[in-house]
Amino acid sequence: MAYSEDHIALAAEYALGTLDAGERTQVEMMMAVDTEYTAVVHAWEYRLGVLNQMVGSVEPRPIVWENIKAAVGHSGEQAALVLPDATPPVAPVAAEPAPVAVDNSNVIQLSGRLKRMRTFASVATALAAALIAMLAVQVYAPDLLPDGLRAKPRIRTVEVKIPAPPVAPSAQYVALLQRDGGSPAFILTIDAATKNFTVRKVGGDTAEVGKSFELWLISDRLPQPRSLGIIGGGDFTARPVLSSYDANTITGATYAVTVEQAGGSSDGKPHSAPIYTGKLIETVPGAR
């Protein structure tokens, strides 16, 4: 027969001798009508008796017993403490052995500890059941819970990086600035998107001392030539001065180089005839 944890605990405490009168009577009634439960009690007596045999006896000093007697208010000789015999359990007999007088004062603490353990186990079981019920409600019926107990929604922000569209190539224009169809002295390159230009010196011509080469934009859209600045003495000269002109003016103009005083024209007008000229041609097509 299967017994509950409380019945087994009662059997253990009965073997220890820590039950009160009512609980002890309850166990004895169960033993009288249930031989299997009697075997459970005897099994606990056997286990506890083995534990008693594992501990060596220590004879206390005489003064210890005298102090115990004075504390509990007894005088004279007392019956010795008798523990259950560590022998295998035997079948119950009809005649119950005469009860042995046992001093139970040394097991009171163990009895209280067992009762506290049972109480703690009951409370822990109830808390676990309540927690499981609350979790089930949170998952299947969260609207039944108050706002304080509802699970907060998790918001996850995902950053999606969209690659930038490829930049369309801008058109590139080149003009060979040369004299009378001869070898070019300068190569003018213009980027249509940024309207920046670069002048590359490719010929061996150099300006006279006290003079400078100056670049001009000549267009029928403009009343007069517009200076784009002097050309430096290095191999490359780059400037962003075309930003104020529209694309048609830039691509349809004639570019010319004149010799001016050092530092360029002082009044924004050419003071000599162009010595090198050229027009732009598209070398790299832009996006259509």
Protein backbone atom coordinates (compact mmCIF):
# COMPACT_ATOMS: atom_id res chain seq x y z
CA MET A 1 0.00 0.00 0.00
CA ALA A 2 1.28 3.48 -0.83
CA TYR A 3 1.41 5.92 2.05
CA SER A 4 1.52 9.70 1.98
CA GLU A 5 4.52 11.70 3.11
CA ASP A 6 2.64 12.64 6.31
CA HIS A 7 2.04 8.99 7.19
CA ILE A 8 5.69 8.16 6.61
CA ALA A 9 6.78 11.18 8.68
CA LEU A 10 4.47 10.06 11.51
CA ALA A 11 6.05 6.60 11.41
CA ALA A 12 9.54 8.14 11.63
CA GLU A 13 8.60 10.44 14.50
CA TYR A 14 6.88 7.52 16.28
CA ALA A 15 10.16 5.58 16.08
CA LEU A 16 11.96 8.63 17.43
CA GLY A 17 9.43 9.10 20.20
CA THR A 18 8.72 12.75 19.38
CA LEU A 19 4.95 12.59 18.81
CA ASP A 20 2.44 14.01 21.24
CA ALA A 21 -0.16 11.77 22.86
CA GLY A 22 -2.81 12.26 20.17
CA GLU A 23 -0.45 11.59 17.26
CA ARG A 24 1.04 8.59 19.00
CA THR A 25 -2.43 7.12 19.56
CA GLN A 26 -3.21 7.68 15.88
CA VAL A 27 -0.10 5.74 14.82
CA GLU A 28 -0.80 2.90 17.22
CA MET A 29 -4.38 2.59 15.86
CA MET A 30 -3.05 2.42 12.32
CA MET A 31 -0.52 -0.23 13.35
CA ALA A 32 -3.31 -2.26 14.97
CA VAL A 33 -5.37 -2.44 11.79
CA ASP A 34 -2.64 -2.30 9.13
CA THR A 35 0.24 -4.76 9.28
CA GLU A 36 2.01 -3.05 6.36
CA TYR A 37 2.07 0.25 8.23
CA THR A 38 3.41 -1.64 11.29
CA ALA A 39 6.26 -2.85 9.06
CA VAL A 40 6.95 0.78 8.03
CA VAL A 41 7.25 1.80 11.69
CA HIS A 42 9.56 -1.15 12.46
CA ALA A 43 11.68 -0.26 9.43
CA TRP A 44 12.20 3.25 10.82
CA GLU A 45 13.11 1.74 14.22
CA TYR A 46 15.66 -0.44 12.46
CA ARG A 47 17.18 2.48 10.54
CA LEU A 48 17.43 4.68 13.62
CA GLY A 49 18.84 1.83 15.68
CA VAL A 50 21.65 1.37 13.12
CA LEU A 51 22.46 5.06 13.38
CA ASN A 52 22.67 4.72 17.15
CA GLN A 53 25.15 1.84 16.81
CA MET A 54 27.36 3.93 14.51
CA VAL A 55 27.99 6.43 17.29
CA GLY A 56 30.35 5.33 20.00
CA SER A 57 29.18 5.67 23.59
CA VAL A 58 30.74 8.43 25.66
CA GLU A 59 30.41 8.24 29.41
CA PRO A 60 29.68 11.73 30.76
CA ARG A 61 31.23 12.97 33.95
CA PRO A 62 29.15 12.36 37.12
CA ILE A 63 28.59 16.07 37.56
CA VAL A 64 26.72 16.17 34.24
CA TRP A 65 24.06 13.73 35.42
CA GLU A 66 23.75 15.53 38.73
CA ASN A 67 23.15 18.82 36.93
CA ILE A 68 20.53 17.19 34.68
CA LYS A 69 18.71 15.73 37.65
CA ALA A 70 18.71 19.08 39.43
CA ALA A 71 17.47 20.84 36.28
CA VAL A 72 14.48 18.53 35.68
CA GLY A 73 13.63 18.28 39.41
CA HIS A 74 14.21 14.54 39.81
CA SER A 75 16.11 12.81 42.55
CA GLY A 76 17.25 9.28 42.98
CA GLU A 77 18.12 6.78 40.31
CA GLN A 78 16.48 7.06 36.87
CA ALA A 79 15.97 4.40 34.27
CA ALA A 80 18.67 4.30 31.62
CA LEU A 81 17.88 5.49 28.10
CA VAL A 82 17.07 2.48 25.92
CA LEU A 83 17.16 2.81 22.11
CA PRO A 84 15.57 0.36 19.70
CA ASP A 85 17.59 -2.75 18.93
CA ALA A 86 19.31 -2.60 15.52
CA THR A 87 17.90 -5.91 14.36
CA PRO A 88 15.95 -6.56 11.16
CA PRO A 89 12.23 -5.90 11.44
CA VAL A 90 10.14 -8.92 12.39
CA ALA A 91 6.52 -9.70 11.86
CA PRO A 92 4.26 -8.15 14.44
CA VAL A 93 3.06 -10.39 17.28
CA ALA A 94 -0.27 -10.38 18.96
CA ALA A 95 1.03 -9.30 22.34
CA GLU A 96 2.47 -5.79 22.37
CA PRO A 97 5.70 -5.53 24.36
CA ALA A 98 5.64 -3.58 27.53
CA PRO A 99 6.51 0.09 26.92
CA VAL A 100 10.01 1.13 27.88
CA ALA A 101 10.44 4.32 29.80
CA VAL A 102 12.47 6.63 27.57
CA ASP A 103 13.57 10.18 28.26
CA ASN A 104 12.40 12.04 25.14
CA SER A 105 13.93 15.40 26.02
CA ASN A 106 16.89 14.81 23.71
CA VAL A 107 14.73 14.52 20.58
CA ILE A 108 12.40 17.48 21.04
CA GLN A 109 14.54 19.65 18.75
CA LEU A 110 14.48 17.01 15.99
CA SER A 111 10.68 16.78 16.20
CA GLY A 112 10.33 20.54 15.83
CA ARG A 113 12.71 20.55 12.90
CA LEU A 114 10.68 17.85 11.10
CA LYS A 115 7.47 19.79 11.62
CA ARG A 116 9.05 22.96 10.30
CA MET A 117 10.33 21.06 7.27
CA ARG A 118 6.83 19.76 6.52
CA THR A 119 5.39 23.26 6.88
CA PHE A 120 8.07 24.73 4.60
CA ALA A 121 7.47 22.02 2.00
CA SER A 122 3.73 22.76 2.00
CA VAL A 123 4.32 26.51 1.60
CA ALA A 124 6.87 25.95 -1.19
CA THR A 125 4.45 23.66 -3.03
CA ALA A 126 1.68 26.26 -2.78
CA LEU A 127 3.96 29.04 -4.04
CA ALA A 128 5.14 26.92 -6.95
CA ALA A 129 1.56 26.12 -7.92
CA ALA A 130 0.61 29.82 -7.74
CA LEU A 131 3.61 30.77 -9.87
CA ILE A 132 2.77 28.17 -12.51
CA ALA A 133 -0.82 29.39 -12.59
CA MET A 134 0.26 33.02 -13.01
CA LEU A 135 2.64 32.10 -15.84
CA ALA A 136 -0.11 30.18 -17.59
CA VAL A 137 -2.46 33.15 -17.31
CA GLN A 138 0.26 35.49 -18.66
CA VAL A 139 0.73 33.26 -21.71
CA TYR A 140 -2.87 32.29 -22.53
CA ALA A 141 -5.06 35.02 -20.98
CA PRO A 142 -2.92 38.10 -20.12
CA ASP A 143 -6.01 40.37 -20.07
CA LEU A 144 -7.15 38.71 -16.84
CA LEU A 145 -4.13 40.03 -14.93
CA PRO A 146 -3.86 43.55 -13.48
CA ASP A 147 -1.61 45.98 -15.28
CA GLY A 148 1.19 45.56 -12.74
CA LEU A 149 1.47 41.81 -13.40
CA ARG A 150 1.14 41.83 -17.16
CA ALA A 151 4.27 41.07 -19.14
CA LYS A 152 5.63 44.18 -20.79
CA PRO A 153 5.76 43.97 -24.60
CA ARG A 154 9.24 43.71 -25.96
CA ILE A 155 10.06 46.26 -28.61
CA ARG A 156 13.09 45.50 -30.69
CA THR A 157 14.51 48.15 -32.94
CA VAL A 158 16.19 46.73 -36.01
CA GLU A 159 18.37 49.00 -38.04
CA VAL A 160 18.21 48.15 -41.72
CA LYS A 161 20.96 49.67 -43.74
CA ILE A 162 19.93 50.30 -47.30
CA PRO A 163 22.91 50.60 -49.58
CA ALA A 164 23.17 53.94 -51.25
CA PRO A 165 22.34 53.84 -54.93
CA PRO A 166 25.38 53.86 -57.15
CA VAL A 167 26.48 57.32 -58.11
CA ALA A 168 25.87 57.95 -61.77
CA PRO A 169 29.08 58.83 -63.56
CA SER A 170 29.35 62.48 -64.51
CA ALA A 171 30.31 63.60 -67.96
CA GLN A 172 33.95 64.56 -68.56
CA TYR A 173 35.06 67.13 -71.15
CA VAL A 174 38.53 67.84 -72.54
CA ALA A 175 39.85 70.73 -74.67
CA LEU A 176 43.26 70.75 -76.35
CA LEU A 177 44.58 74.32 -76.17
CA GLN A 178 46.94 74.70 -79.12
CA ARG A 179 48.10 77.26 -81.69
CA ASP A 180 47.18 76.97 -85.36
CA GLY A 181 46.65 73.19 -85.22
CA GLY A 182 50.09 72.55 -83.80
CA SER A 183 50.97 70.47 -80.76
CA PRO A 184 48.85 71.29 -77.70
CA ALA A 185 50.44 73.43 -75.03
CA PHE A 186 47.73 72.81 -72.43
CA ILE A 187 45.00 70.20 -71.85
CA LEU A 188 41.85 71.51 -70.18
CA THR A 189 39.65 68.95 -68.36
CA ILE A 190 36.20 69.84 -66.94
CA ASP A 191 33.93 67.70 -64.73
CA ALA A 192 30.28 68.34 -65.63
CA ALA A 193 28.96 67.49 -62.17
CA THR A 194 31.27 69.67 -60.06
CA LYS A 195 32.13 72.21 -62.81
CA ASN A 196 35.75 72.10 -61.63
CA PHE A 197 38.46 72.32 -64.24
CA THR A 198 42.09 71.27 -64.39
CA VAL A 199 44.72 72.63 -66.74
CA ARG A 200 47.60 70.29 -67.54
CA LYS A 201 50.76 71.82 -69.05
CA VAL A 202 52.03 69.52 -71.79
CA GLY A 203 54.07 71.84 -74.02
CA GLY A 204 57.41 73.38 -73.28
CA ASP A 205 56.26 76.99 -73.50
CA THR A 206 56.86 79.17 -70.46
CA ALA A 207 55.74 82.73 -69.84
CA GLU A 208 58.32 85.48 -70.17
CA VAL A 209 59.74 87.09 -67.07
CA GLY A 210 57.14 89.46 -65.64
CA LYS A 211 54.34 87.79 -67.62
CA SER A 212 51.69 85.14 -66.89
CA PHE A 213 49.51 82.83 -68.94
CA GLU A 214 45.82 83.57 -68.29
CA LEU A 215 42.86 81.33 -69.22
CA TRP A 216 39.69 82.84 -70.70
CA LEU A 217 36.16 81.61 -71.43
CA ILE A 218 34.72 83.05 -74.64
CA SER A 219 31.02 82.53 -75.43
CA ASP A 220 28.37 84.21 -77.55
CA ARG A 221 26.15 83.99 -74.47
CA LEU A 222 28.43 86.48 -72.69
CA PRO A 223 29.08 90.11 -73.62
CA GLN A 224 32.86 89.72 -73.25
CA PRO A 225 35.49 87.07 -72.41
CA ARG A 226 35.57 85.98 -68.77
CA SER A 227 38.85 85.33 -66.98
CA LEU A 228 39.27 81.92 -65.35
CA GLY A 229 42.53 82.91 -63.65
CA ILE A 230 46.20 82.58 -64.40
CA ILE A 231 47.82 79.24 -65.14
CA GLY A 232 50.38 78.36 -62.50
CA GLY A 233 53.97 77.43 -63.12
CA GLY A 234 53.42 73.78 -62.12
CA ASP A 235 52.24 70.93 -64.29
CA PHE A 236 48.65 71.14 -63.01
CA THR A 237 46.35 74.06 -62.20
CA ALA A 238 42.90 73.30 -60.75
CA ARG A 239 40.12 75.79 -60.01
CA PRO A 240 36.35 75.69 -59.21
CA VAL A 241 35.47 79.01 -60.87
CA LEU A 242 33.00 77.57 -63.40
CA SER A 243 30.24 77.02 -60.84
CA SER A 244 28.48 80.28 -61.77
CA TYR A 245 28.03 79.27 -65.43
CA ASP A 246 25.33 77.04 -66.85
CA ALA A 247 26.18 73.76 -68.56
CA ASN A 248 25.41 74.96 -72.08
CA THR A 249 27.71 77.94 -71.69
CA ILE A 250 30.52 75.75 -70.37
CA THR A 251 30.30 73.04 -73.03
CA GLY A 252 29.75 75.41 -75.97
CA ALA A 253 32.43 78.00 -75.14
CA THR A 254 35.89 78.52 -76.62
CA TYR A 255 38.78 78.48 -74.17
CA ALA A 256 41.78 80.67 -74.86
CA VAL A 257 45.14 81.49 -73.27
CA THR A 258 46.67 84.97 -73.44
CA VAL A 259 49.89 86.45 -72.15
CA GLU A 260 49.19 89.04 -69.50
CA GLN A 261 51.23 90.95 -66.97
CA ALA A 262 52.46 89.03 -63.96
CA GLY A 263 49.47 88.06 -61.78
CA GLY A 264 46.95 88.37 -64.63
CA SER A 265 44.81 91.11 -66.09
CA SER A 266 44.07 93.91 -63.65
CA ASP A 267 40.72 94.93 -65.18
CA GLY A 268 39.24 91.53 -66.14
CA LYS A 269 39.83 92.06 -69.87
CA PRO A 270 42.42 90.38 -72.13
CA HIS A 271 45.25 92.70 -73.19
CA SER A 272 46.72 90.51 -75.95
CA ALA A 273 45.47 88.22 -78.67
CA PRO A 274 44.95 84.54 -77.69
CA ILE A 275 47.97 82.37 -78.43
CA TYR A 276 46.31 79.01 -77.61
CA THR A 277 42.62 78.11 -78.13
CA GLY A 278 40.41 75.04 -78.06
CA LYS A 279 36.88 73.74 -77.62
CA LEU A 280 35.57 71.00 -75.33
CA ILE A 281 34.78 67.49 -76.49
CA GLU A 282 33.00 64.89 -74.35
CA THR A 283 35.37 62.07 -73.42
CA VAL A 284 33.27 60.30 -70.71
CA PRO A 285 29.49 60.30 -71.19
CA GLY A 286 27.33 61.10 -68.22
CA ALA A 287 24.10 59.37 -67.13
CA ARG A 288 21.35 59.93 -69.63
